[in-house]
């Protein structure tokens, strides 16, 4: 398990049955993540700067997850995921 860090970004839409598998995928890539329940269902919480990279690792692992639009704000270090377009299941 990677070293614990502040987790403020969320990845939503992962099936509850695959939630812990997704966290383990991120740990394997040395990204600290926590699972939890948000207002609309299961979430994975990661560091804001690792949000987009985490999302991509989960998609590569063949876990179903909503596809998001990635927006980079000016003068921002980390891209922000915003808006669900469709679900990707490989």
C-alpha atoms as a PDB file:
ATOM      1  CA  UNK A   1       0.000   0.000   0.000  1.00  0.00           C
ATOM      2  CA  UNK A   2       1.366   3.457  -0.884  1.00  0.00           C
ATOM      3  CA  UNK A   3       2.020   6.097   1.731  1.00  0.00           C
ATOM      4  CA  UNK A   4      -1.133   7.838   2.980  1.00  0.00           C
ATOM      5  CA  UNK A   5      -1.844  11.313   1.568  1.00  0.00           C
ATOM      6  CA  UNK A   6      -4.649  13.870   1.408  1.00  0.00           C
ATOM      7  CA  UNK A   7      -7.508  12.677  -0.802  1.00  0.00           C
ATOM      8  CA  UNK A   8      -9.909  15.356  -2.050  1.00  0.00           C
ATOM      9  CA  UNK A   9     -10.803  14.257  -5.599  1.00  0.00           C
ATOM     10  CA  UNK A  10     -13.450  11.608  -6.247  1.00  0.00           C
ATOM     11  CA  UNK A  11     -14.005   9.041  -8.956  1.00  0.00           C
ATOM     12  CA  UNK A  12     -17.674   8.101  -9.126  1.00  0.00           C
ATOM     13  CA  UNK A  13     -19.770   5.531 -10.931  1.00  0.00           C
ATOM     14  CA  UNK A  14     -17.850   2.369 -10.108  1.00  0.00           C
ATOM     15  CA  UNK A  15     -19.987  -0.638  -9.292  1.00  0.00           C
ATOM     16  CA  UNK A  16     -19.980  -1.489  -5.579  1.00  0.00           C
ATOM     17  CA  UNK A  17     -18.819  -5.026  -6.404  1.00  0.00           C
ATOM     18  CA  UNK A  18     -15.690  -3.648  -8.123  1.00  0.00           C
ATOM     19  CA  UNK A  19     -14.902  -0.835  -5.700  1.00  0.00           C
ATOM     20  CA  UNK A  20     -12.166  -2.558  -3.685  1.00  0.00           C
ATOM     21  CA  UNK A  21     -10.655  -4.041  -6.856  1.00  0.00           C
ATOM     22  CA  UNK A  22     -10.330  -0.519  -8.268  1.00  0.00           C
ATOM     23  CA  UNK A  23      -8.599   0.687  -5.089  1.00  0.00           C
ATOM     24  CA  UNK A  24      -6.128  -2.207  -5.329  1.00  0.00           C
ATOM     25  CA  UNK A  25      -5.415  -1.325  -8.972  1.00  0.00           C
ATOM     26  CA  UNK A  26      -4.403   2.175  -7.842  1.00  0.00           C
ATOM     27  CA  UNK A  27      -2.331   0.878  -4.936  1.00  0.00           C
ATOM     28  CA  UNK A  28      -0.490  -1.381  -7.394  1.00  0.00           C
ATOM     29  CA  UNK A  29       0.374   1.768  -9.389  1.00  0.00           C
ATOM     30  CA  UNK A  30       1.607   3.407  -6.144  1.00  0.00           C
ATOM     31  CA  UNK A  31      -1.360   5.811  -5.932  1.00  0.00           C
ATOM     32  CA  UNK A  32      -2.959   6.134  -2.511  1.00  0.00           C
ATOM     33  CA  UNK A  33      -6.744   5.739  -2.708  1.00  0.00           C
ATOM     34  CA  UNK A  34      -9.651   5.214  -0.325  1.00  0.00           C
ATOM     35  CA  UNK A  35     -13.089   3.822  -1.052  1.00  0.00           C
ATOM     36  CA  UNK A  36     -16.268   5.251   0.396  1.00  0.00           C
ATOM     37  CA  UNK A  37     -19.905   6.109  -0.148  1.00  0.00           C
ATOM     38  CA  UNK A  38     -20.864   9.461  -1.622  1.00  0.00           C
ATOM     39  CA  UNK A  39     -24.310  11.015  -1.907  1.00  0.00           C
ATOM     40  CA  UNK A  40     -25.059   9.127  -5.118  1.00  0.00           C
ATOM     41  CA  UNK A  41     -23.213   5.870  -4.467  1.00  0.00           C
ATOM     42  CA  UNK A  42     -19.732   4.345  -4.219  1.00  0.00           C
ATOM     43  CA  UNK A  43     -16.696   6.570  -4.758  1.00  0.00           C
ATOM     44  CA  UNK A  44     -12.940   6.315  -4.788  1.00  0.00           C
ATOM     45  CA  UNK A  45     -11.059   9.222  -3.274  1.00  0.00           C
ATOM     46  CA  UNK A  46      -7.593  10.159  -4.545  1.00  0.00           C
ATOM     47  CA  UNK A  47      -5.225  13.105  -4.395  1.00  0.00           C
ATOM     48  CA  UNK A  48      -6.345  15.957  -6.685  1.00  0.00           C
ATOM     49  CA  UNK A  49      -3.086  15.899  -8.647  1.00  0.00           C
ATOM     50  CA  UNK A  50      -3.463  12.165  -9.374  1.00  0.00           C
ATOM     51  CA  UNK A  51      -7.156  12.218 -10.305  1.00  0.00           C
ATOM     52  CA  UNK A  52      -6.833  11.907 -14.083  1.00  0.00           C
ATOM     53  CA  UNK A  53      -4.029   9.348 -13.910  1.00  0.00           C
ATOM     54  CA  UNK A  54      -6.050   7.288 -11.408  1.00  0.00           C
ATOM     55  CA  UNK A  55      -9.088   7.377 -13.651  1.00  0.00           C
ATOM     56  CA  UNK A  56      -7.019   6.112 -16.592  1.00  0.00           C
ATOM     57  CA  UNK A  57      -5.488   3.236 -14.598  1.00  0.00           C
ATOM     58  CA  UNK A  58      -8.943   2.076 -13.514  1.00  0.00           C
ATOM     59  CA  UNK A  59     -10.204   2.174 -17.106  1.00  0.00           C
ATOM     60  CA  UNK A  60      -7.165   0.204 -18.297  1.00  0.00           C
ATOM     61  CA  UNK A  61      -7.907  -2.487 -15.709  1.00  0.00           C
ATOM     62  CA  UNK A  62     -11.244  -3.246 -17.444  1.00  0.00           C
ATOM     63  CA  UNK A  63     -13.382  -2.020 -14.559  1.00  0.00           C
ATOM     64  CA  UNK A  64     -16.599  -0.344 -15.772  1.00  0.00           C
ATOM     65  CA  UNK A  65     -16.472   3.370 -15.090  1.00  0.00           C
ATOM     66  CA  UNK A  66     -18.257   6.425 -16.529  1.00  0.00           C
ATOM     67  CA  UNK A  67     -16.154   8.203 -19.139  1.00  0.00           C
ATOM     68  CA  UNK A  68     -15.468  11.812 -18.181  1.00  0.00           C
ATOM     69  CA  UNK A  69     -14.436  14.922 -20.023  1.00  0.00           C
ATOM     70  CA  UNK A  70     -11.045  16.152 -18.870  1.00  0.00           C
ATOM     71  CA  UNK A  71     -10.684  19.910 -18.528  1.00  0.00           C
ATOM     72  CA  UNK A  72      -7.439  21.719 -17.791  1.00  0.00           C
ATOM     73  CA  UNK A  73      -7.955  25.064 -16.067  1.00  0.00           C
ATOM     74  CA  UNK A  74      -5.522  27.850 -16.799  1.00  0.00           C
ATOM     75  CA  UNK A  75      -2.918  28.308 -14.068  1.00  0.00           C
ATOM     76  CA  UNK A  76      -3.844  24.945 -12.572  1.00  0.00           C
ATOM     77  CA  UNK A  77      -1.384  22.147 -11.888  1.00  0.00           C
ATOM     78  CA  UNK A  78      -3.944  19.350 -12.132  1.00  0.00           C
ATOM     79  CA  UNK A  79      -6.569  18.657 -14.793  1.00  0.00           C
ATOM     80  CA  UNK A  80     -10.132  18.315 -13.520  1.00  0.00           C
ATOM     81  CA  UNK A  81     -12.562  15.589 -14.575  1.00  0.00           C
ATOM     82  CA  UNK A  82     -16.036  16.921 -15.281  1.00  0.00           C
ATOM     83  CA  UNK A  83     -19.239  15.543 -16.730  1.00  0.00           C
ATOM     84  CA  UNK A  84     -20.237  11.976 -17.481  1.00  0.00           C
ATOM     85  CA  UNK A  85     -20.645  11.072 -21.149  1.00  0.00           C
ATOM     86  CA  UNK A  86     -21.047   7.296 -21.242  1.00  0.00           C
ATOM     87  CA  UNK A  87     -19.942   4.117 -19.490  1.00  0.00           C
ATOM     88  CA  UNK A  88     -16.868   2.262 -20.682  1.00  0.00           C
ATOM     89  CA  UNK A  89     -16.798  -1.489 -20.142  1.00  0.00           C
ATOM     90  CA  UNK A  90     -13.942  -3.258 -21.913  1.00  0.00           C
END
